[in-house]
PDB file of N, CA and C in Angstrom:
ATOM      1  N   MET A   1      29.604  -6.750  -6.598  1.00  0.00           N
ATOM      2  CA  MET A   1      29.482  -8.189  -6.499  1.00  0.00           C
ATOM      3  C   MET A   1      28.072  -8.642  -6.905  1.00  0.00           C
ATOM      4  N   LEU A   2      27.024  -7.966  -6.412  1.00  0.00           N
ATOM      5  CA  LEU A   2      25.671  -8.360  -6.713  1.00  0.00           C
ATOM      6  C   LEU A   2      25.128  -7.678  -7.970  1.00  0.00           C
ATOM      7  N   ASN A   3      25.963  -6.906  -8.640  1.00  0.00           N
ATOM      8  CA  ASN A   3      25.487  -6.207  -9.848  1.00  0.00           C
ATOM      9  C   ASN A   3      25.296  -7.143 -11.021  1.00  0.00           C
ATOM     10  N   ASN A   4      26.007  -8.243 -11.071  1.00  0.00           N
ATOM     11  CA  ASN A   4      25.951  -9.154 -12.220  1.00  0.00           C
ATOM     12  C   ASN A   4      25.368 -10.512 -11.844  1.00  0.00           C
ATOM     13  N   ILE A   5      24.257 -10.536 -11.101  1.00  0.00           N
ATOM     14  CA  ILE A   5      23.632 -11.813 -10.741  1.00  0.00           C
ATOM     15  C   ILE A   5      23.055 -12.466 -12.005  1.00  0.00           C
ATOM     16  N   GLY A   6      22.240 -11.766 -12.721  1.00  0.00           N
ATOM     17  CA  GLY A   6      21.660 -12.287 -13.958  1.00  0.00           C
ATOM     18  C   GLY A   6      20.582 -13.312 -13.709  1.00  0.00           C
ATOM     19  N   LEU A   7      20.039 -13.798 -14.785  1.00  0.00           N
ATOM     20  CA  LEU A   7      18.942 -14.754 -14.730  1.00  0.00           C
ATOM     21  C   LEU A   7      19.356 -16.116 -14.135  1.00  0.00           C
ATOM     22  N   PRO A   8      20.505 -16.684 -14.503  1.00  0.00           N
ATOM     23  CA  PRO A   8      20.893 -17.965 -13.900  1.00  0.00           C
ATOM     24  C   PRO A   8      21.076 -17.860 -12.380  1.00  0.00           C
ATOM     25  N   GLY A   9      21.611 -16.769 -11.900  1.00  0.00           N
ATOM     26  CA  GLY A   9      21.776 -16.585 -10.467  1.00  0.00           C
ATOM     27  C   GLY A   9      20.466 -16.487  -9.720  1.00  0.00           C
ATOM     28  N   ILE A  10      19.526 -15.754 -10.314  1.00  0.00           N
ATOM     29  CA  ILE A  10      18.195 -15.605  -9.706  1.00  0.00           C
ATOM     30  C   ILE A  10      17.480 -16.973  -9.686  1.00  0.00           C
ATOM     31  N   LEU A  11      17.592 -17.716 -10.762  1.00  0.00           N
ATOM     32  CA  LEU A  11      16.977 -19.066 -10.816  1.00  0.00           C
ATOM     33  C   LEU A  11      17.595 -19.987  -9.786  1.00  0.00           C
ATOM     34  N   LEU A  12      18.909 -19.935  -9.600  1.00  0.00           N
ATOM     35  CA  LEU A  12      19.565 -20.742  -8.615  1.00  0.00           C
ATOM     36  C   LEU A  12      19.103 -20.387  -7.191  1.00  0.00           C
ATOM     37  N   ILE A  13      18.977 -19.112  -6.929  1.00  0.00           N
ATOM     38  CA  ILE A  13      18.489 -18.672  -5.606  1.00  0.00           C
ATOM     39  C   ILE A  13      17.060 -19.157  -5.389  1.00  0.00           C
ATOM     40  N   ALA A  14      16.202 -19.056  -6.405  1.00  0.00           N
ATOM     41  CA  ALA A  14      14.830 -19.505  -6.299  1.00  0.00           C
ATOM     42  C   ALA A  14      14.736 -20.994  -6.022  1.00  0.00           C
ATOM     43  N   VAL A  15      15.583 -21.783  -6.689  1.00  0.00           N
ATOM     44  CA  VAL A  15      15.582 -23.244  -6.455  1.00  0.00           C
ATOM     45  C   VAL A  15      16.048 -23.570  -5.044  1.00  0.00           C
ATOM     46  N   VAL A  16      17.071 -22.888  -4.556  1.00  0.00           N
ATOM     47  CA  VAL A  16      17.557 -23.142  -3.198  1.00  0.00           C
ATOM     48  C   VAL A  16      16.486 -22.772  -2.178  1.00  0.00           C
ATOM     49  N   VAL A  17      15.804 -21.657  -2.373  1.00  0.00           N
ATOM     50  CA  VAL A  17      14.737 -21.243  -1.448  1.00  0.00           C
ATOM     51  C   VAL A  17      13.609 -22.272  -1.473  1.00  0.00           C
ATOM     52  N   LEU A  18      13.254 -22.728  -2.674  1.00  0.00           N
ATOM     53  CA  LEU A  18      12.194 -23.717  -2.799  1.00  0.00           C
ATOM     54  C   LEU A  18      12.559 -25.027  -2.093  1.00  0.00           C
ATOM     55  N   VAL A  19      13.798 -25.464  -2.216  1.00  0.00           N
ATOM     56  CA  VAL A  19      14.240 -26.697  -1.571  1.00  0.00           C
ATOM     57  C   VAL A  19      14.256 -26.521  -0.046  1.00  0.00           C
ATOM     58  N   LEU A  20      14.709 -25.372   0.420  1.00  0.00           N
ATOM     59  CA  LEU A  20      14.809 -25.162   1.868  1.00  0.00           C
ATOM     60  C   LEU A  20      13.457 -25.044   2.544  1.00  0.00           C
ATOM     61  N   PHE A  21      12.552 -24.307   1.957  1.00  0.00           N
ATOM     62  CA  PHE A  21      11.289 -24.001   2.625  1.00  0.00           C
ATOM     63  C   PHE A  21      10.120 -24.848   2.151  1.00  0.00           C
ATOM     64  N   GLY A  22      10.165 -25.379   0.986  1.00  0.00           N
ATOM     65  CA  GLY A  22       9.064 -26.197   0.472  1.00  0.00           C
ATOM     66  C   GLY A  22       7.994 -25.343  -0.164  1.00  0.00           C
ATOM     67  N   ARG A  23       7.229 -25.992  -1.056  1.00  0.00           N
ATOM     68  CA  ARG A  23       6.241 -25.290  -1.828  1.00  0.00           C
ATOM     69  C   ARG A  23       5.087 -24.747  -0.989  1.00  0.00           C
ATOM     70  N   GLY A  24       4.645 -25.512  -0.017  1.00  0.00           N
ATOM     71  CA  GLY A  24       3.500 -25.068   0.810  1.00  0.00           C
ATOM     72  C   GLY A  24       3.825 -23.849   1.653  1.00  0.00           C
ATOM     73  N   LYS A  25       5.025 -23.847   2.231  1.00  0.00           N
ATOM     74  CA  LYS A  25       5.433 -22.731   3.066  1.00  0.00           C
ATOM     75  C   LYS A  25       5.570 -21.457   2.233  1.00  0.00           C
ATOM     76  N   ILE A  26       6.136 -21.558   1.063  1.00  0.00           N
ATOM     77  CA  ILE A  26       6.335 -20.377   0.214  1.00  0.00           C
ATOM     78  C   ILE A  26       4.983 -19.849  -0.275  1.00  0.00           C
ATOM     79  N   SER A  27       4.059 -20.727  -0.661  1.00  0.00           N
ATOM     80  CA  SER A  27       2.770 -20.266  -1.142  1.00  0.00           C
ATOM     81  C   SER A  27       1.978 -19.566  -0.038  1.00  0.00           C
ATOM     82  N   SER A  28       2.062 -20.080   1.195  1.00  0.00           N
ATOM     83  CA  SER A  28       1.346 -19.444   2.297  1.00  0.00           C
ATOM     84  C   SER A  28       1.987 -18.081   2.625  1.00  0.00           C
ATOM     85  N   LEU A  29       3.321 -18.024   2.538  1.00  0.00           N
ATOM     86  CA  LEU A  29       4.024 -16.773   2.783  1.00  0.00           C
ATOM     87  C   LEU A  29       3.644 -15.726   1.730  1.00  0.00           C
ATOM     88  N   MET A  30       3.575 -16.120   0.462  1.00  0.00           N
ATOM     89  CA  MET A  30       3.217 -15.182  -0.595  1.00  0.00           C
ATOM     90  C   MET A  30       1.746 -14.737  -0.457  1.00  0.00           C
ATOM     91  N   GLY A  31       0.876 -15.635   0.034  1.00  0.00           N
ATOM     92  CA  GLY A  31      -0.501 -15.259   0.320  1.00  0.00           C
ATOM     93  C   GLY A  31      -0.581 -14.164   1.375  1.00  0.00           C
ATOM     94  N   GLU A  32       0.219 -14.321   2.441  1.00  0.00           N
ATOM     95  CA  GLU A  32       0.252 -13.323   3.498  1.00  0.00           C
ATOM     96  C   GLU A  32       0.816 -11.996   2.991  1.00  0.00           C
ATOM     97  N   VAL A  33       1.828 -12.077   2.134  1.00  0.00           N
ATOM     98  CA  VAL A  33       2.386 -10.842   1.557  1.00  0.00           C
ATOM     99  C   VAL A  33       1.323 -10.145   0.699  1.00  0.00           C
ATOM    100  N   GLY A  34       0.572 -10.897  -0.053  1.00  0.00           N
ATOM    101  CA  GLY A  34      -0.502 -10.324  -0.876  1.00  0.00           C
ATOM    102  C   GLY A  34      -1.574  -9.661  -0.041  1.00  0.00           C
ATOM    103  N   LYS A  35      -1.948 -10.306   1.063  1.00  0.00           N
ATOM    104  CA  LYS A  35      -2.948  -9.707   1.951  1.00  0.00           C
ATOM    105  C   LYS A  35      -2.425  -8.408   2.565  1.00  0.00           C
ATOM    106  N   GLY A  36      -1.141  -8.408   2.939  1.00  0.00           N
ATOM    107  CA  GLY A  36      -0.526  -7.203   3.495  1.00  0.00           C
ATOM    108  C   GLY A  36      -0.498  -6.042   2.527  1.00  0.00           C
ATOM    109  N   ILE A  37      -0.165  -6.351   1.259  1.00  0.00           N
ATOM    110  CA  ILE A  37      -0.153  -5.313   0.222  1.00  0.00           C
ATOM    111  C   ILE A  37      -1.570  -4.764  -0.016  1.00  0.00           C
ATOM    112  N   THR A  38      -2.555  -5.663  -0.036  1.00  0.00           N
ATOM    113  CA  THR A  38      -3.934  -5.231  -0.212  1.00  0.00           C
ATOM    114  C   THR A  38      -4.412  -4.351   0.938  1.00  0.00           C
ATOM    115  N   ALA A  39      -4.058  -4.730   2.163  1.00  0.00           N
ATOM    116  CA  ALA A  39      -4.438  -3.921   3.331  1.00  0.00           C
ATOM    117  C   ALA A  39      -3.767  -2.553   3.297  1.00  0.00           C
ATOM    118  N   PHE A  40      -2.506  -2.509   2.857  1.00  0.00           N
ATOM    119  CA  PHE A  40      -1.780  -1.241   2.759  1.00  0.00           C
ATOM    120  C   PHE A  40      -2.419  -0.320   1.735  1.00  0.00           C
ATOM    121  N   LYS A  41      -2.753  -0.892   0.564  1.00  0.00           N
ATOM    122  CA  LYS A  41      -3.367  -0.078  -0.474  1.00  0.00           C
ATOM    123  C   LYS A  41      -4.740   0.446  -0.022  1.00  0.00           C
ATOM    124  N   LYS A  42      -5.512  -0.378   0.704  1.00  0.00           N
ATOM    125  CA  LYS A  42      -6.820   0.033   1.191  1.00  0.00           C
ATOM    126  C   LYS A  42      -6.648   1.156   2.204  1.00  0.00           C
ATOM    127  N   GLY A  43      -5.645   1.032   3.074  1.00  0.00           N
ATOM    128  CA  GLY A  43      -5.402   2.080   4.070  1.00  0.00           C
ATOM    129  C   GLY A  43      -5.009   3.404   3.430  1.00  0.00           C
ATOM    130  N   VAL A  44      -4.164   3.335   2.408  1.00  0.00           N
ATOM    131  CA  VAL A  44      -3.769   4.538   1.692  1.00  0.00           C
ATOM    132  C   VAL A  44      -4.975   5.187   1.005  1.00  0.00           C
ATOM    133  N   HIS A  45      -5.798   4.364   0.371  1.00  0.00           N
ATOM    134  CA  HIS A  45      -6.976   4.878  -0.317  1.00  0.00           C
ATOM    135  C   HIS A  45      -7.951   5.512   0.660  1.00  0.00           C
ATOM    136  N   ASP A  46      -8.186   4.841   1.824  1.00  0.00           N
ATOM    137  CA  ASP A  46      -9.110   5.372   2.809  1.00  0.00           C
ATOM    138  C   ASP A  46      -8.621   6.686   3.403  1.00  0.00           C
ATOM    139  N   SER A  47      -7.323   6.774   3.664  1.00  0.00           N
ATOM    140  CA  SER A  47      -6.800   8.017   4.261  1.00  0.00           C
ATOM    141  C   SER A  47      -6.832   9.153   3.220  1.00  0.00           C
ATOM    142  N   ALA A  48      -6.591   8.855   1.965  1.00  0.00           N
ATOM    143  CA  ALA A  48      -6.687   9.874   0.934  1.00  0.00           C
ATOM    144  C   ALA A  48      -8.142  10.358   0.787  1.00  0.00           C
ATOM    145  N   LYS A  49      -9.082   9.430   0.873  1.00  0.00           N
ATOM    146  CA  LYS A  49     -10.488   9.800   0.783  1.00  0.00           C
ATOM    147  C   LYS A  49     -10.897  10.624   1.995  1.00  0.00           C
ATOM    148  N   GLU A  50     -10.401  10.295   3.181  1.00  0.00           N
ATOM    149  CA  GLU A  50     -10.700  11.035   4.381  1.00  0.00           C
ATOM    150  C   GLU A  50     -10.147  12.466   4.307  1.00  0.00           C
ATOM    151  N   ILE A  51      -8.965  12.611   3.754  1.00  0.00           N
ATOM    152  CA  ILE A  51      -8.357  13.944   3.614  1.00  0.00           C
ATOM    153  C   ILE A  51      -9.150  14.752   2.613  1.00  0.00           C
ATOM    154  N   GLU A  52      -9.592  14.148   1.525  1.00  0.00           N
ATOM    155  CA  GLU A  52     -10.417  14.868   0.525  1.00  0.00           C
ATOM    156  C   GLU A  52     -11.724  15.333   1.159  1.00  0.00           C
ATOM    157  N   GLU A  53     -12.370  14.458   1.917  1.00  0.00           N
ATOM    158  CA  GLU A  53     -13.638  14.851   2.545  1.00  0.00           C
ATOM    159  C   GLU A  53     -13.418  15.980   3.561  1.00  0.00           C
ATOM    160  N   GLU A  54     -12.332  15.922   4.290  1.00  0.00           N
ATOM    161  CA  GLU A  54     -12.048  16.953   5.290  1.00  0.00           C
ATOM    162  C   GLU A  54     -11.802  18.298   4.606  1.00  0.00           C
ATOM    163  N   THR A  55     -11.067  18.311   3.516  1.00  0.00           N
ATOM    164  CA  THR A  55     -10.823  19.569   2.830  1.00  0.00           C
ATOM    165  C   THR A  55     -12.082  20.063   2.149  1.00  0.00           C
ATOM    166  N   ALA A  56     -12.934  19.157   1.654  1.00  0.00           N
ATOM    167  CA  ALA A  56     -14.194  19.572   1.040  1.00  0.00           C
ATOM    168  C   ALA A  56     -15.126  20.179   2.081  1.00  0.00           C
ATOM    169  N   ASN A  57     -15.177  19.576   3.277  1.00  0.00           N
ATOM    170  CA  ASN A  57     -16.027  20.122   4.334  1.00  0.00           C
ATOM    171  C   ASN A  57     -15.540  21.454   4.819  1.00  0.00           C
ATOM    172  N   SER A  58     -14.260  21.657   4.902  1.00  0.00           N
ATOM    173  CA  SER A  58     -13.745  22.943   5.393  1.00  0.00           C
ATOM    174  C   SER A  58     -13.862  24.028   4.295  1.00  0.00           C
ATOM    175  N   ALA A  59     -13.950  23.644   3.057  1.00  0.00           N
ATOM    176  CA  ALA A  59     -14.066  24.609   1.963  1.00  0.00           C
ATOM    177  C   ALA A  59     -15.518  24.965   1.634  1.00  0.00           C
ATOM    178  N   LYS A  60     -16.478  24.309   2.214  1.00  0.00           N
ATOM    179  CA  LYS A  60     -17.868  24.566   1.910  1.00  0.00           C
ATOM    180  C   LYS A  60     -18.299  25.966   2.295  1.00  0.00           C
ATOM    181  N   ASP A  61     -18.012  26.368   3.514  1.00  0.00           N
ATOM    182  CA  ASP A  61     -18.459  27.667   3.997  1.00  0.00           C
ATOM    183  C   ASP A  61     -17.246  28.582   4.179  1.00  0.00           C
ATOM    184  N   VAL A  62     -17.129  29.548   3.275  1.00  0.00           N
ATOM    185  CA  VAL A  62     -15.996  30.473   3.340  1.00  0.00           C
ATOM    186  C   VAL A  62     -16.450  31.875   3.735  1.00  0.00           C
ATOM    187  N   THR A  63     -17.711  32.032   4.085  1.00  0.00           N
ATOM    188  CA  THR A  63     -18.247  33.327   4.498  1.00  0.00           C
ATOM    189  C   THR A  63     -17.718  33.674   5.861  1.00  0.00           C
ATOM    190  N   PRO A  64     -17.172  34.846   6.066  1.00  0.00           N
ATOM    191  CA  PRO A  64     -16.696  35.255   7.400  1.00  0.00           C
ATOM    192  C   PRO A  64     -17.853  35.309   8.395  1.00  0.00           C
ATOM    193  N   GLU A  65     -17.568  35.108   9.647  1.00  0.00           N
ATOM    194  CA  GLU A  65     -18.581  35.071  10.725  1.00  0.00           C
ATOM    195  C   GLU A  65     -19.358  36.383  10.815  1.00  0.00           C
ATOM    196  N   ASN A  66     -18.708  37.515  10.633  1.00  0.00           N
ATOM    197  CA  ASN A  66     -19.372  38.819  10.752  1.00  0.00           C
ATOM    198  C   ASN A  66     -20.384  39.055   9.628  1.00  0.00           C
ATOM    199  N   ASP A  67     -20.140  38.550   8.460  1.00  0.00           N
ATOM    200  CA  ASP A  67     -21.033  38.748   7.319  1.00  0.00           C
ATOM    201  C   ASP A  67     -22.253  37.843   7.388  1.00  0.00           C
ATOM    202  N   LYS A  68     -22.205  36.771   8.143  1.00  0.00           N
ATOM    203  CA  LYS A  68     -23.357  35.862   8.236  1.00  0.00           C
ATOM    204  C   LYS A  68     -24.540  36.521   8.907  1.00  0.00           C
ATOM    205  N   ASP A  69     -24.266  37.365   9.887  1.00  0.00           N
ATOM    206  CA  ASP A  69     -25.372  38.022  10.609  1.00  0.00           C
ATOM    207  C   ASP A  69     -26.073  39.037   9.749  1.00  0.00           C
ATOM    208  N   LYS A  70     -25.396  39.676   8.806  1.00  0.00           N
ATOM    209  CA  LYS A  70     -25.970  40.704   7.979  1.00  0.00           C
ATOM    210  C   LYS A  70     -26.848  40.125   6.879  1.00  0.00           C
ATOM    211  N   VAL A  71     -26.613  38.895   6.480  1.00  0.00           N
ATOM    212  CA  VAL A  71     -27.359  38.307   5.347  1.00  0.00           C
ATOM    213  C   VAL A  71     -28.701  37.877   5.722  1.00  0.00           C
TER     214      VAL A  71
END
């Protein structure tokens, strides 16, 4: 049923949503969605950076504990 919506159907849905909610409400909603996407991307980037730093710190010293005393 929803496989053949097409461009006219999407435009009709957009017009109905615009009439029901108004331009101001939709623009503020899209602004909040944009802020949410930005915060999500920042969180993913920060966690990836944190994982990289953690693996880099654990990979710095690979000398076994027993060999450190001999050096």
